């Protein structure tokens, strides 16, 4: 991830992300292996900037599709709490 050019690459290929998708990925990457909590769950690194929990789920789904993370190995769901990115 290059924050200055807002470019994302995985396995040598460029990945086109919307501004929201990029911001969500950046948030997760700034806190590797740490749970980013859904809005209105527990305190911690929050995803409140992305609206309600349904919005967050949609953006996570988009990110997983674009990153080729169908098995949820990169962006992991922590049930009832939120998401984390595996470093």
N, C-alpha and C. Protein backbone atom coordinates (compact mmCIF):
# COMPACT_ATOMS: atom_id res chain seq x y z
N UNK A 1 0.85 -1.18 0.00
CA UNK A 1 0.00 0.00 0.00
C UNK A 1 0.89 1.23 0.00
N UNK A 2 0.63 2.12 -0.94
CA UNK A 2 1.35 3.38 -1.00
C UNK A 2 0.35 4.49 -0.70
N UNK A 3 0.50 5.09 0.48
CA UNK A 3 -0.46 6.10 0.90
C UNK A 3 -0.37 7.39 0.08
N UNK A 4 0.81 7.71 -0.42
CA UNK A 4 0.95 8.97 -1.16
C UNK A 4 0.27 8.90 -2.52
N UNK A 5 0.32 7.74 -3.17
CA UNK A 5 -0.32 7.60 -4.48
C UNK A 5 -1.67 6.89 -4.38
N UNK A 6 -1.97 6.39 -3.17
CA UNK A 6 -3.20 5.64 -2.91
C UNK A 6 -3.30 4.41 -3.81
N UNK A 7 -2.16 3.77 -4.03
CA UNK A 7 -2.12 2.55 -4.83
C UNK A 7 -1.96 1.33 -3.91
N UNK A 8 -2.63 0.26 -4.30
CA UNK A 8 -2.54 -0.99 -3.56
C UNK A 8 -2.14 -2.07 -4.55
N UNK A 9 -1.18 -2.90 -4.13
CA UNK A 9 -0.73 -4.02 -4.94
C UNK A 9 -0.73 -5.26 -4.07
N UNK A 10 -1.10 -6.38 -4.68
CA UNK A 10 -1.02 -7.67 -3.99
C UNK A 10 -0.56 -8.71 -4.99
N UNK A 11 0.46 -9.44 -4.61
CA UNK A 11 1.05 -10.46 -5.48
C UNK A 11 1.43 -9.87 -6.84
N UNK A 12 1.93 -8.64 -6.82
CA UNK A 12 2.40 -7.99 -8.04
C UNK A 12 1.34 -7.36 -8.91
N UNK A 13 0.08 -7.49 -8.54
CA UNK A 13 -0.97 -6.89 -9.36
C UNK A 13 -1.58 -5.68 -8.66
N UNK A 14 -1.93 -4.68 -9.46
CA UNK A 14 -2.53 -3.46 -8.95
C UNK A 14 -4.01 -3.72 -8.66
N UNK A 15 -4.49 -3.15 -7.56
CA UNK A 15 -5.88 -3.34 -7.15
C UNK A 15 -6.54 -1.98 -7.06
N UNK A 16 -7.60 -1.80 -7.80
CA UNK A 16 -8.36 -0.56 -7.80
C UNK A 16 -9.32 -0.55 -6.61
N UNK A 17 -9.20 0.45 -5.75
CA UNK A 17 -10.08 0.57 -4.59
C UNK A 17 -10.75 1.93 -4.60
N UNK A 18 -11.98 1.97 -4.10
CA UNK A 18 -12.65 3.25 -3.89
C UNK A 18 -11.97 3.94 -2.72
N UNK A 19 -12.29 5.21 -2.52
CA UNK A 19 -11.71 5.96 -1.40
C UNK A 19 -12.06 5.31 -0.06
N UNK A 20 -13.29 4.87 0.10
CA UNK A 20 -13.70 4.22 1.35
C UNK A 20 -12.99 2.89 1.55
N UNK A 21 -12.88 2.11 0.50
CA UNK A 21 -12.18 0.82 0.60
C UNK A 21 -10.72 1.04 0.98
N UNK A 22 -10.09 2.02 0.35
CA UNK A 22 -8.70 2.32 0.66
C UNK A 22 -8.56 2.73 2.13
N UNK A 23 -9.44 3.60 2.59
CA UNK A 23 -9.38 4.07 3.98
C UNK A 23 -9.60 2.93 4.97
N UNK A 24 -10.50 2.02 4.65
CA UNK A 24 -10.74 0.87 5.52
C UNK A 24 -9.51 -0.04 5.56
N UNK A 25 -8.94 -0.31 4.41
CA UNK A 25 -7.74 -1.14 4.36
C UNK A 25 -6.59 -0.49 5.12
N UNK A 26 -6.44 0.82 4.95
CA UNK A 26 -5.39 1.54 5.68
C UNK A 26 -5.60 1.43 7.19
N UNK A 27 -6.84 1.60 7.65
CA UNK A 27 -7.14 1.48 9.08
C UNK A 27 -6.76 0.09 9.59
N UNK A 28 -7.15 -0.93 8.87
CA UNK A 28 -6.82 -2.29 9.29
C UNK A 28 -5.31 -2.52 9.29
N UNK A 29 -4.63 -2.01 8.27
CA UNK A 29 -3.19 -2.22 8.16
C UNK A 29 -2.41 -1.43 9.20
N UNK A 30 -2.96 -0.32 9.68
CA UNK A 30 -2.30 0.46 10.72
C UNK A 30 -2.33 -0.26 12.06
N UNK A 31 -3.22 -1.25 12.18
CA UNK A 31 -3.40 -1.99 13.43
C UNK A 31 -3.38 -3.50 13.15
N UNK A 32 -2.26 -4.03 12.63
CA UNK A 32 -2.23 -5.46 12.28
C UNK A 32 -2.45 -6.33 13.51
N UNK A 33 -3.21 -7.39 13.30
CA UNK A 33 -3.52 -8.37 14.34
C UNK A 33 -4.34 -7.80 15.50
N UNK A 34 -4.78 -6.56 15.38
CA UNK A 34 -5.61 -5.94 16.42
C UNK A 34 -7.04 -5.84 15.89
N UNK A 35 -7.99 -6.15 16.73
CA UNK A 35 -9.39 -6.11 16.31
C UNK A 35 -9.87 -4.67 16.18
N UNK A 36 -10.40 -4.35 15.02
CA UNK A 36 -11.05 -3.06 14.80
C UNK A 36 -12.53 -3.32 15.03
N UNK A 37 -13.07 -2.68 16.04
CA UNK A 37 -14.44 -2.98 16.45
C UNK A 37 -15.47 -2.33 15.56
N UNK A 38 -16.58 -3.04 15.41
CA UNK A 38 -17.72 -2.52 14.67
C UNK A 38 -18.32 -1.35 15.44
N UNK A 39 -19.02 -0.47 14.73
CA UNK A 39 -19.71 0.62 15.44
C UNK A 39 -20.64 0.06 16.51
N UNK A 40 -20.67 0.70 17.63
CA UNK A 40 -21.55 0.38 18.76
C UNK A 40 -21.23 -0.96 19.41
N UNK A 41 -20.00 -1.46 19.20
CA UNK A 41 -19.62 -2.67 19.95
C UNK A 41 -18.73 -2.22 21.09
N UNK A 42 -17.61 -2.83 21.27
CA UNK A 42 -16.76 -2.46 22.40
C UNK A 42 -15.79 -1.36 22.03
N UNK A 43 -15.22 -0.67 23.01
CA UNK A 43 -14.24 0.37 22.72
C UNK A 43 -12.98 -0.22 22.10
N UNK A 44 -12.26 0.58 21.39
CA UNK A 44 -11.02 0.14 20.76
C UNK A 44 -10.83 0.88 19.46
N UNK A 45 -10.09 0.30 18.57
CA UNK A 45 -9.91 0.90 17.25
C UNK A 45 -11.24 0.75 16.53
N UNK A 46 -11.89 1.86 16.23
CA UNK A 46 -13.25 1.79 15.74
C UNK A 46 -13.40 1.98 14.25
N UNK A 47 -14.49 1.47 13.76
CA UNK A 47 -14.86 1.59 12.36
C UNK A 47 -16.02 2.56 12.20
N UNK A 48 -16.20 3.44 13.19
CA UNK A 48 -17.33 4.38 13.18
C UNK A 48 -17.33 5.29 11.96
N UNK A 49 -16.15 5.56 11.41
CA UNK A 49 -16.06 6.45 10.25
C UNK A 49 -16.81 5.92 9.04
N UNK A 50 -17.12 4.63 9.04
CA UNK A 50 -17.72 4.00 7.88
C UNK A 50 -19.22 3.81 8.02
N UNK A 51 -19.80 4.43 9.04
CA UNK A 51 -21.25 4.34 9.22
C UNK A 51 -21.63 3.18 10.10
N UNK A 52 -22.81 2.64 9.86
CA UNK A 52 -23.30 1.56 10.71
C UNK A 52 -22.62 0.23 10.37
N UNK A 53 -22.93 -0.78 11.15
CA UNK A 53 -22.29 -2.09 10.99
C UNK A 53 -22.54 -2.69 9.61
N UNK A 54 -23.71 -2.43 9.03
CA UNK A 54 -24.00 -2.98 7.70
C UNK A 54 -23.07 -2.37 6.65
N UNK A 55 -22.81 -1.07 6.75
CA UNK A 55 -21.87 -0.43 5.80
C UNK A 55 -20.49 -1.05 5.91
N UNK A 56 -20.05 -1.28 7.14
CA UNK A 56 -18.73 -1.86 7.36
C UNK A 56 -18.67 -3.24 6.73
N UNK A 57 -19.70 -4.05 6.93
CA UNK A 57 -19.72 -5.40 6.36
C UNK A 57 -19.64 -5.35 4.84
N UNK A 58 -20.34 -4.41 4.23
CA UNK A 58 -20.31 -4.27 2.77
C UNK A 58 -18.91 -3.92 2.29
N UNK A 59 -18.26 -2.95 2.94
CA UNK A 59 -16.91 -2.56 2.53
C UNK A 59 -15.89 -3.67 2.75
N UNK A 60 -16.05 -4.42 3.83
CA UNK A 60 -15.16 -5.55 4.07
C UNK A 60 -15.35 -6.60 2.98
N UNK A 61 -16.59 -6.85 2.60
CA UNK A 61 -16.87 -7.81 1.52
C UNK A 61 -16.23 -7.35 0.22
N UNK A 62 -16.37 -6.06 -0.12
CA UNK A 62 -15.75 -5.54 -1.33
C UNK A 62 -14.23 -5.71 -1.29
N UNK A 63 -13.64 -5.39 -0.14
CA UNK A 63 -12.18 -5.52 0.00
C UNK A 63 -11.75 -6.97 -0.18
N UNK A 64 -12.44 -7.88 0.46
CA UNK A 64 -12.09 -9.29 0.34
C UNK A 64 -12.15 -9.75 -1.12
N UNK A 65 -13.19 -9.33 -1.84
CA UNK A 65 -13.32 -9.71 -3.24
C UNK A 65 -12.16 -9.16 -4.06
N UNK A 66 -11.86 -7.90 -3.87
CA UNK A 66 -10.81 -7.26 -4.67
C UNK A 66 -9.42 -7.77 -4.32
N UNK A 67 -9.22 -8.17 -3.07
CA UNK A 67 -7.92 -8.67 -2.63
C UNK A 67 -7.76 -10.17 -2.86
N UNK A 68 -8.82 -10.83 -3.33
CA UNK A 68 -8.77 -12.27 -3.53
C UNK A 68 -8.72 -13.04 -2.23
N UNK A 69 -9.44 -12.56 -1.24
CA UNK A 69 -9.43 -13.14 0.10
C UNK A 69 -10.73 -13.89 0.37
N UNK A 70 -11.10 -14.79 -0.52
CA UNK A 70 -12.36 -15.52 -0.38
C UNK A 70 -12.40 -16.40 0.86
N UNK A 71 -11.25 -16.88 1.31
CA UNK A 71 -11.20 -17.75 2.48
C UNK A 71 -11.10 -16.98 3.80
N UNK A 72 -11.07 -15.65 3.72
CA UNK A 72 -11.02 -14.77 4.90
C UNK A 72 -9.76 -15.01 5.73
N UNK A 73 -8.66 -15.29 5.06
CA UNK A 73 -7.41 -15.50 5.76
C UNK A 73 -6.67 -14.20 6.02
N UNK A 74 -6.86 -13.21 5.16
CA UNK A 74 -6.19 -11.92 5.31
C UNK A 74 -7.00 -11.01 6.25
N UNK A 75 -8.25 -10.77 5.90
CA UNK A 75 -9.14 -9.97 6.74
C UNK A 75 -10.05 -10.96 7.48
N UNK A 76 -9.83 -11.06 8.77
CA UNK A 76 -10.53 -12.04 9.58
C UNK A 76 -11.68 -11.40 10.35
N UNK A 77 -12.77 -12.12 10.45
CA UNK A 77 -13.91 -11.67 11.25
C UNK A 77 -13.76 -12.18 12.67
N UNK A 78 -13.93 -11.29 13.63
CA UNK A 78 -13.98 -11.68 15.04
C UNK A 78 -15.44 -11.54 15.44
N UNK A 79 -16.11 -12.66 15.55
CA UNK A 79 -17.58 -12.66 15.75
C UNK A 79 -18.05 -11.73 16.85
N UNK A 80 -19.03 -10.90 16.49
CA UNK A 80 -19.66 -10.01 17.45
C UNK A 80 -18.82 -8.81 17.85
N UNK A 81 -17.60 -8.71 17.29
CA UNK A 81 -16.70 -7.63 17.70
C UNK A 81 -16.29 -6.78 16.51
N UNK A 82 -15.70 -7.39 15.48
CA UNK A 82 -15.23 -6.61 14.35
C UNK A 82 -14.32 -7.41 13.44
N UNK A 83 -13.26 -6.76 12.97
CA UNK A 83 -12.36 -7.37 11.98
C UNK A 83 -10.90 -7.07 12.34
N UNK A 84 -10.03 -7.93 11.85
CA UNK A 84 -8.61 -7.68 11.98
C UNK A 84 -7.93 -8.16 10.71
N UNK A 85 -6.78 -7.56 10.43
CA UNK A 85 -6.00 -7.98 9.29
C UNK A 85 -4.80 -8.74 9.82
N UNK A 86 -4.55 -9.86 9.22
CA UNK A 86 -3.44 -10.71 9.67
C UNK A 86 -2.14 -10.18 9.08
N UNK A 87 -1.17 -9.94 9.96
CA UNK A 87 0.13 -9.43 9.50
C UNK A 87 0.97 -10.54 8.94
